[in-house]
Amino acid sequence: MKEKIIKDNIYGSKFRKMRVAHHINLVDAAKGITNKSTLAEWEKGKDNLSWCALLFNIHIQPIEFLEDAVSSHLYFSIQDIANAYGTNDIEQLKAISLKYLKQSQNEPLNKDLLLKAAMACNFYEDLTGKDIFPSLASEKLVMYFSDVVNNDNCWYYENIFYFNSVTQLLSPTHLYGFSLKLLEYVKKEKID
């Protein structure tokens, strides 16, 4: 598994809370990876440490550890869409959809713009019954999730988040196929 070093230690205190909640002492959490004092310093925010391997010592999946940080980032990035959808503001949702569609055409390699456009169009269709997602964008969306499936079927939180938010835009065949692969991943990785 790839390890990641965070330059600004924002995870040390979160790790400590999870370690304490699982009733695991510093010695056991650091076993085979680092020493007790280095781990203690990292938990206090005074040091950097590669944390992926540490998670297994406290019986935490990386997705569980990152979920709050990732989900808050994702929710912040789609706040305009969520607000328009939450208030049933169809005109605003259509304007947001068209804005992200245009931006995604101008920056064809920017997956975030494509996914935001897809989400906005999905929610617009949910409220109006009108599909405004272009077929070319739909093909790109299918290619995006095909890449997820073909990349060792590794679904990150972000992939699951967006997949859940664009289901109306996928053909029944693609929706069924991607859903089966997601369920296979969940079962293999033992994710709740």
C-alpha atoms as a PDB file:
ATOM      1  CA  MET A   1       0.000   0.000   0.000  1.00  0.00           C
ATOM      2  CA  LYS A   2       1.286   3.461  -0.847  1.00  0.00           C
ATOM      3  CA  GLU A   3       2.177   5.568   2.147  1.00  0.00           C
ATOM      4  CA  LYS A   4       1.573   9.276   2.190  1.00  0.00           C
ATOM      5  CA  ILE A   5       3.405  11.873   4.203  1.00  0.00           C
ATOM      6  CA  ILE A   6       1.338  14.898   5.085  1.00  0.00           C
ATOM      7  CA  LYS A   7       3.446  18.059   5.144  1.00  0.00           C
ATOM      8  CA  ASP A   8       1.152  19.928   7.499  1.00  0.00           C
ATOM      9  CA  ASN A   9       0.237  17.509  10.234  1.00  0.00           C
ATOM     10  CA  ILE A  10      -3.540  17.675  10.358  1.00  0.00           C
ATOM     11  CA  TYR A  11      -4.006  13.969  11.012  1.00  0.00           C
ATOM     12  CA  GLY A  12      -1.967  13.397  14.174  1.00  0.00           C
ATOM     13  CA  SER A  13      -4.690  14.512  16.559  1.00  0.00           C
ATOM     14  CA  LYS A  14      -7.337  12.577  14.650  1.00  0.00           C
ATOM     15  CA  PHE A  15      -5.160   9.461  14.808  1.00  0.00           C
ATOM     16  CA  ARG A  16      -4.779   9.936  18.576  1.00  0.00           C
ATOM     17  CA  LYS A  17      -8.550  10.192  19.073  1.00  0.00           C
ATOM     18  CA  MET A  18      -9.109   6.996  17.086  1.00  0.00           C
ATOM     19  CA  ARG A  19      -6.275   5.191  18.861  1.00  0.00           C
ATOM     20  CA  VAL A  20      -7.626   6.129  22.286  1.00  0.00           C
ATOM     21  CA  ALA A  21     -11.186   5.215  21.240  1.00  0.00           C
ATOM     22  CA  HIS A  22      -9.913   1.738  20.328  1.00  0.00           C
ATOM     23  CA  HIS A  23      -8.062   1.500  23.686  1.00  0.00           C
ATOM     24  CA  ILE A  24      -4.665   1.033  22.023  1.00  0.00           C
ATOM     25  CA  ASN A  25      -1.570   2.415  23.750  1.00  0.00           C
ATOM     26  CA  LEU A  26       1.270   4.263  22.037  1.00  0.00           C
ATOM     27  CA  VAL A  27       3.620   1.271  22.155  1.00  0.00           C
ATOM     28  CA  ASP A  28       1.170  -1.045  20.367  1.00  0.00           C
ATOM     29  CA  ALA A  29       0.177   1.593  17.833  1.00  0.00           C
ATOM     30  CA  ALA A  30       3.825   2.303  16.958  1.00  0.00           C
ATOM     31  CA  LYS A  31       4.905  -1.360  16.897  1.00  0.00           C
ATOM     32  CA  GLY A  32       7.036  -2.223  13.883  1.00  0.00           C
ATOM     33  CA  ILE A  33       6.692   1.238  12.336  1.00  0.00           C
ATOM     34  CA  THR A  34       8.148   3.892  14.613  1.00  0.00           C
ATOM     35  CA  ASN A  35       8.863   4.463  18.274  1.00  0.00           C
ATOM     36  CA  LYS A  36       6.535   5.622  21.013  1.00  0.00           C
ATOM     37  CA  SER A  37       8.052   9.110  21.358  1.00  0.00           C
ATOM     38  CA  THR A  38       7.939   9.865  17.610  1.00  0.00           C
ATOM     39  CA  LEU A  39       4.300   8.781  17.470  1.00  0.00           C
ATOM     40  CA  ALA A  40       3.476  10.927  20.506  1.00  0.00           C
ATOM     41  CA  GLU A  41       5.130  13.961  18.890  1.00  0.00           C
ATOM     42  CA  TRP A  42       3.219  13.372  15.659  1.00  0.00           C
ATOM     43  CA  GLU A  43      -0.070  13.104  17.524  1.00  0.00           C
ATOM     44  CA  LYS A  44       0.688  16.502  19.092  1.00  0.00           C
ATOM     45  CA  GLY A  45       1.322  18.002  15.649  1.00  0.00           C
ATOM     46  CA  LYS A  46       5.039  18.485  16.217  1.00  0.00           C
ATOM     47  CA  ASP A  47       6.333  16.029  13.632  1.00  0.00           C
ATOM     48  CA  ASN A  48       5.481  14.491  10.267  1.00  0.00           C
ATOM     49  CA  LEU A  49       4.924  10.790   9.936  1.00  0.00           C
ATOM     50  CA  SER A  50       3.805   8.342   7.285  1.00  0.00           C
ATOM     51  CA  TRP A  51       0.487   7.190   8.730  1.00  0.00           C
ATOM     52  CA  CYS A  52      -0.943   4.488   6.433  1.00  0.00           C
ATOM     53  CA  ALA A  53       0.870   1.603   8.096  1.00  0.00           C
ATOM     54  CA  LEU A  54      -0.010   2.969  11.536  1.00  0.00           C
ATOM     55  CA  LEU A  55      -3.713   2.650  10.753  1.00  0.00           C
ATOM     56  CA  PHE A  56      -3.497  -1.117  10.583  1.00  0.00           C
ATOM     57  CA  ASN A  57      -2.026  -1.207  14.088  1.00  0.00           C
ATOM     58  CA  ILE A  58      -5.170   0.454  15.423  1.00  0.00           C
ATOM     59  CA  HIS A  59      -7.520  -1.523  13.146  1.00  0.00           C
ATOM     60  CA  ILE A  60      -8.670   1.432  11.041  1.00  0.00           C
ATOM     61  CA  GLN A  61      -9.158   1.392   7.266  1.00  0.00           C
ATOM     62  CA  PRO A  62      -7.553   4.329   5.406  1.00  0.00           C
ATOM     63  CA  ILE A  63     -10.969   5.334   3.996  1.00  0.00           C
ATOM     64  CA  GLU A  64     -12.391   5.517   7.509  1.00  0.00           C
ATOM     65  CA  PHE A  65      -9.486   7.713   8.590  1.00  0.00           C
ATOM     66  CA  LEU A  66      -9.743  10.081   5.626  1.00  0.00           C
ATOM     67  CA  GLU A  67     -13.508  10.083   5.187  1.00  0.00           C
ATOM     68  CA  ASP A  68     -14.261  13.236   7.175  1.00  0.00           C
ATOM     69  CA  ALA A  69     -11.545  15.296   5.489  1.00  0.00           C
ATOM     70  CA  VAL A  70     -12.399  14.035   2.013  1.00  0.00           C
ATOM     71  CA  SER A  71     -16.151  14.304   2.442  1.00  0.00           C
ATOM     72  CA  SER A  72     -15.996  17.851   3.800  1.00  0.00           C
ATOM     73  CA  HIS A  73     -13.784  18.840   0.825  1.00  0.00           C
ATOM     74  CA  LEU A  74     -16.229  17.238  -1.623  1.00  0.00           C
ATOM     75  CA  TYR A  75     -19.270  18.812  -0.001  1.00  0.00           C
ATOM     76  CA  PHE A  76     -17.592  22.218  -0.058  1.00  0.00           C
ATOM     77  CA  SER A  77     -16.726  21.821  -3.746  1.00  0.00           C
ATOM     78  CA  ILE A  78     -20.361  21.087  -4.695  1.00  0.00           C
ATOM     79  CA  GLN A  79     -22.031  23.481  -2.277  1.00  0.00           C
ATOM     80  CA  ASP A  80     -23.608  25.514  -5.096  1.00  0.00           C
ATOM     81  CA  ILE A  81     -25.177  22.365  -6.557  1.00  0.00           C
ATOM     82  CA  ALA A  82     -26.359  21.122  -3.163  1.00  0.00           C
ATOM     83  CA  ASN A  83     -27.927  24.492  -2.308  1.00  0.00           C
ATOM     84  CA  ALA A  84     -29.808  24.735  -5.611  1.00  0.00           C
ATOM     85  CA  TYR A  85     -31.006  21.129  -5.390  1.00  0.00           C
ATOM     86  CA  GLY A  86     -31.939  21.450  -1.713  1.00  0.00           C
ATOM     87  CA  THR A  87     -34.121  24.482  -2.406  1.00  0.00           C
ATOM     88  CA  ASN A  88     -35.579  23.031  -5.641  1.00  0.00           C
ATOM     89  CA  ASP A  89     -34.182  26.009  -7.540  1.00  0.00           C
ATOM     90  CA  ILE A  90     -34.525  24.574 -11.046  1.00  0.00           C
ATOM     91  CA  GLU A  91     -33.294  27.680 -12.866  1.00  0.00           C
ATOM     92  CA  GLN A  92     -30.197  27.944 -10.707  1.00  0.00           C
ATOM     93  CA  LEU A  93     -29.500  24.221 -11.081  1.00  0.00           C
ATOM     94  CA  LYS A  94     -29.779  24.513 -14.860  1.00  0.00           C
ATOM     95  CA  ALA A  95     -27.425  27.527 -14.869  1.00  0.00           C
ATOM     96  CA  ILE A  96     -24.906  25.632 -12.721  1.00  0.00           C
ATOM     97  CA  SER A  97     -25.212  22.588 -14.998  1.00  0.00           C
ATOM     98  CA  LEU A  98     -24.551  24.634 -18.114  1.00  0.00           C
ATOM     99  CA  LYS A  99     -21.662  26.478 -16.449  1.00  0.00           C
ATOM    100  CA  TYR A 100     -19.889  23.238 -15.470  1.00  0.00           C
ATOM    101  CA  LEU A 101     -20.639  21.643 -18.856  1.00  0.00           C
ATOM    102  CA  LYS A 102     -19.049  24.595 -20.637  1.00  0.00           C
ATOM    103  CA  GLN A 103     -16.042  24.604 -18.290  1.00  0.00           C
ATOM    104  CA  SER A 104     -15.586  20.846 -18.720  1.00  0.00           C
ATOM    105  CA  GLN A 105     -15.585  21.292 -22.521  1.00  0.00           C
ATOM    106  CA  ASN A 106     -12.912  23.986 -22.202  1.00  0.00           C
ATOM    107  CA  GLU A 107     -10.834  21.774 -19.883  1.00  0.00           C
ATOM    108  CA  PRO A 108     -11.476  18.244 -21.199  1.00  0.00           C
ATOM    109  CA  LEU A 109      -8.923  16.606 -18.884  1.00  0.00           C
ATOM    110  CA  ASN A 110     -10.460  18.078 -15.714  1.00  0.00           C
ATOM    111  CA  LYS A 111     -12.463  15.195 -14.226  1.00  0.00           C
ATOM    112  CA  ASP A 112     -13.764  17.358 -11.358  1.00  0.00           C
ATOM    113  CA  LEU A 113     -15.569  19.667 -13.776  1.00  0.00           C
ATOM    114  CA  LEU A 114     -17.061  16.702 -15.642  1.00  0.00           C
ATOM    115  CA  LEU A 115     -18.264  15.129 -12.380  1.00  0.00           C
ATOM    116  CA  LYS A 116     -19.716  18.408 -11.090  1.00  0.00           C
ATOM    117  CA  ALA A 117     -21.493  18.921 -14.425  1.00  0.00           C
ATOM    118  CA  ALA A 118     -22.830  15.362 -14.257  1.00  0.00           C
ATOM    119  CA  MET A 119     -24.033  15.811 -10.694  1.00  0.00           C
ATOM    120  CA  ALA A 120     -25.783  19.096 -11.469  1.00  0.00           C
ATOM    121  CA  CYS A 121     -27.407  17.596 -14.586  1.00  0.00           C
ATOM    122  CA  ASN A 122     -28.442  14.503 -12.629  1.00  0.00           C
ATOM    123  CA  PHE A 123     -30.163  16.617  -9.976  1.00  0.00           C
ATOM    124  CA  TYR A 124     -31.733  18.836 -12.649  1.00  0.00           C
ATOM    125  CA  GLU A 125     -33.165  15.729 -14.310  1.00  0.00           C
ATOM    126  CA  ASP A 126     -34.408  14.512 -10.954  1.00  0.00           C
ATOM    127  CA  LEU A 127     -36.390  17.728 -10.427  1.00  0.00           C
ATOM    128  CA  THR A 128     -37.608  18.284 -14.000  1.00  0.00           C
ATOM    129  CA  GLY A 129     -37.481  14.947 -15.790  1.00  0.00           C
ATOM    130  CA  LYS A 130     -35.398  16.647 -18.513  1.00  0.00           C
ATOM    131  CA  ASP A 131     -32.024  15.235 -19.540  1.00  0.00           C
ATOM    132  CA  ILE A 132     -29.628  18.065 -20.437  1.00  0.00           C
ATOM    133  CA  PHE A 133     -26.428  16.015 -20.154  1.00  0.00           C
ATOM    134  CA  PRO A 134     -24.865  15.806 -23.647  1.00  0.00           C
ATOM    135  CA  SER A 135     -24.081  12.371 -25.089  1.00  0.00           C
ATOM    136  CA  LEU A 136     -20.365  13.207 -25.428  1.00  0.00           C
ATOM    137  CA  ALA A 137     -20.227  14.076 -21.727  1.00  0.00           C
ATOM    138  CA  SER A 138     -22.117  10.870 -20.976  1.00  0.00           C
ATOM    139  CA  GLU A 139     -19.474   8.877 -22.852  1.00  0.00           C
ATOM    140  CA  LYS A 140     -16.751  10.603 -20.805  1.00  0.00           C
ATOM    141  CA  LEU A 141     -18.621   9.763 -17.600  1.00  0.00           C
ATOM    142  CA  VAL A 142     -18.818   6.093 -18.594  1.00  0.00           C
ATOM    143  CA  MET A 143     -15.092   6.168 -19.433  1.00  0.00           C
ATOM    144  CA  TYR A 144     -14.345   7.679 -16.012  1.00  0.00           C
ATOM    145  CA  PHE A 145     -16.133   4.896 -14.115  1.00  0.00           C
ATOM    146  CA  SER A 146     -14.755   2.285 -16.528  1.00  0.00           C
ATOM    147  CA  ASP A 147     -11.271   3.474 -15.560  1.00  0.00           C
ATOM    148  CA  VAL A 148     -12.173   3.051 -11.885  1.00  0.00           C
ATOM    149  CA  VAL A 149     -13.349  -0.504 -12.538  1.00  0.00           C
ATOM    150  CA  ASN A 150     -10.385  -1.353 -14.777  1.00  0.00           C
ATOM    151  CA  ASN A 151      -7.887   0.089 -12.281  1.00  0.00           C
ATOM    152  CA  ASP A 152      -7.993  -3.015 -10.052  1.00  0.00           C
ATOM    153  CA  ASN A 153     -11.600  -2.080  -9.218  1.00  0.00           C
ATOM    154  CA  CYS A 154     -10.361   0.325  -6.542  1.00  0.00           C
ATOM    155  CA  TRP A 155     -13.149   2.683  -5.490  1.00  0.00           C
ATOM    156  CA  TYR A 156     -12.024   5.699  -3.497  1.00  0.00           C
ATOM    157  CA  TYR A 157     -14.490   7.671  -1.391  1.00  0.00           C
ATOM    158  CA  GLU A 158     -14.644  10.351  -4.099  1.00  0.00           C
ATOM    159  CA  ASN A 159     -15.592   7.755  -6.751  1.00  0.00           C
ATOM    160  CA  ILE A 160     -18.406   6.370  -4.592  1.00  0.00           C
ATOM    161  CA  PHE A 161     -19.598   9.883  -3.749  1.00  0.00           C
ATOM    162  CA  TYR A 162     -19.887  10.906  -7.402  1.00  0.00           C
ATOM    163  CA  PHE A 163     -21.239   7.548  -8.587  1.00  0.00           C
ATOM    164  CA  ASN A 164     -24.080   7.872  -6.102  1.00  0.00           C
ATOM    165  CA  SER A 165     -24.838  11.348  -7.438  1.00  0.00           C
ATOM    166  CA  VAL A 166     -24.969  10.599 -11.180  1.00  0.00           C
ATOM    167  CA  THR A 167     -26.897   7.334 -11.395  1.00  0.00           C
ATOM    168  CA  GLN A 168     -29.754   8.787 -13.478  1.00  0.00           C
ATOM    169  CA  LEU A 169     -27.295   9.703 -16.234  1.00  0.00           C
ATOM    170  CA  LEU A 170     -26.022   6.156 -16.738  1.00  0.00           C
ATOM    171  CA  SER A 171     -27.690   3.611 -18.976  1.00  0.00           C
ATOM    172  CA  PRO A 172     -29.246   0.671 -17.114  1.00  0.00           C
ATOM    173  CA  THR A 173     -26.485  -1.592 -18.451  1.00  0.00           C
ATOM    174  CA  HIS A 174     -23.691   0.672 -17.218  1.00  0.00           C
ATOM    175  CA  LEU A 175     -25.439   1.359 -13.915  1.00  0.00           C
ATOM    176  CA  TYR A 176     -25.858  -2.370 -13.297  1.00  0.00           C
ATOM    177  CA  GLY A 177     -22.273  -3.216 -14.297  1.00  0.00           C
ATOM    178  CA  PHE A 178     -20.665  -0.460 -12.217  1.00  0.00           C
ATOM    179  CA  SER A 179     -22.923  -1.252  -9.251  1.00  0.00           C
ATOM    180  CA  LEU A 180     -21.866  -4.904  -9.326  1.00  0.00           C
ATOM    181  CA  LYS A 181     -18.205  -3.879  -9.387  1.00  0.00           C
ATOM    182  CA  LEU A 182     -18.742  -1.474  -6.493  1.00  0.00           C
ATOM    183  CA  LEU A 183     -20.470  -4.193  -4.454  1.00  0.00           C
ATOM    184  CA  GLU A 184     -17.623  -6.573  -5.285  1.00  0.00           C
ATOM    185  CA  TYR A 185     -15.139  -3.982  -4.012  1.00  0.00           C
ATOM    186  CA  VAL A 186     -17.124  -3.363  -0.833  1.00  0.00           C
ATOM    187  CA  LYS A 187     -17.282  -7.073  -0.118  1.00  0.00           C
ATOM    188  CA  LYS A 188     -13.577  -7.637  -0.864  1.00  0.00           C
ATOM    189  CA  GLU A 189     -12.435  -4.670   1.261  1.00  0.00           C
ATOM    190  CA  LYS A 190     -14.997  -5.374   4.006  1.00  0.00           C
ATOM    191  CA  ILE A 191     -16.342  -1.812   3.962  1.00  0.00           C
ATOM    192  CA  ASP A 192     -19.515  -1.072   5.908  1.00  0.00           C
END
